[in-house]
């Protein structure tokens, strides 16, 4: 991998969490703005119960989730493999992607619906994100997800997989007109 390319990919963002743009919604008490999340992203221990299910069948349940926080996006939640029913999943061998912060991603599908990725993981993340190794992140667009008993709303746009909870304000990357963020 070309280190100059990687550095350029990491530097091209306009907003980096150090100041909110004028269109950012001001958070109320008990809320956080995604515009205060940093770039480069960070990993935060969640400590609240996190659940993922499909068609009322539990896939994952944990109080040891990690959330990746990145400017303009709702958090993505990473669940330890030990708290996932991996018997319901298969690793997709025909799909991969690259994140300039985390490295090469692998994708997972439900055995019952193997044509659609519902999760991803980083088996060899960059050192800064080593804490998400042996964790999976799930697309809330395809599943029923909860954090601390609150139903998650999927990040808009279909490409990103952030989990919007009632304590977050945006606007969120992925909404119409946000392509330049």
Foldseek 3Di string as FASTA:
>chain_A
DDVVVLVCVQPPDPQALPDADPPFDDADPLADELSNAGPVKAKAFQQWWKWWAAPPHTFFIDSGWIWIRGRQAATWIWAALVRGPCVQKDWDPPDWDADSQWGIKTFMDGPVDGVDTFKIARCPTDPRPVVRHRIITGACVRIFMDTNRFTWDAQAQPPDRHTDGPRYTHNHQRPPPNPRD
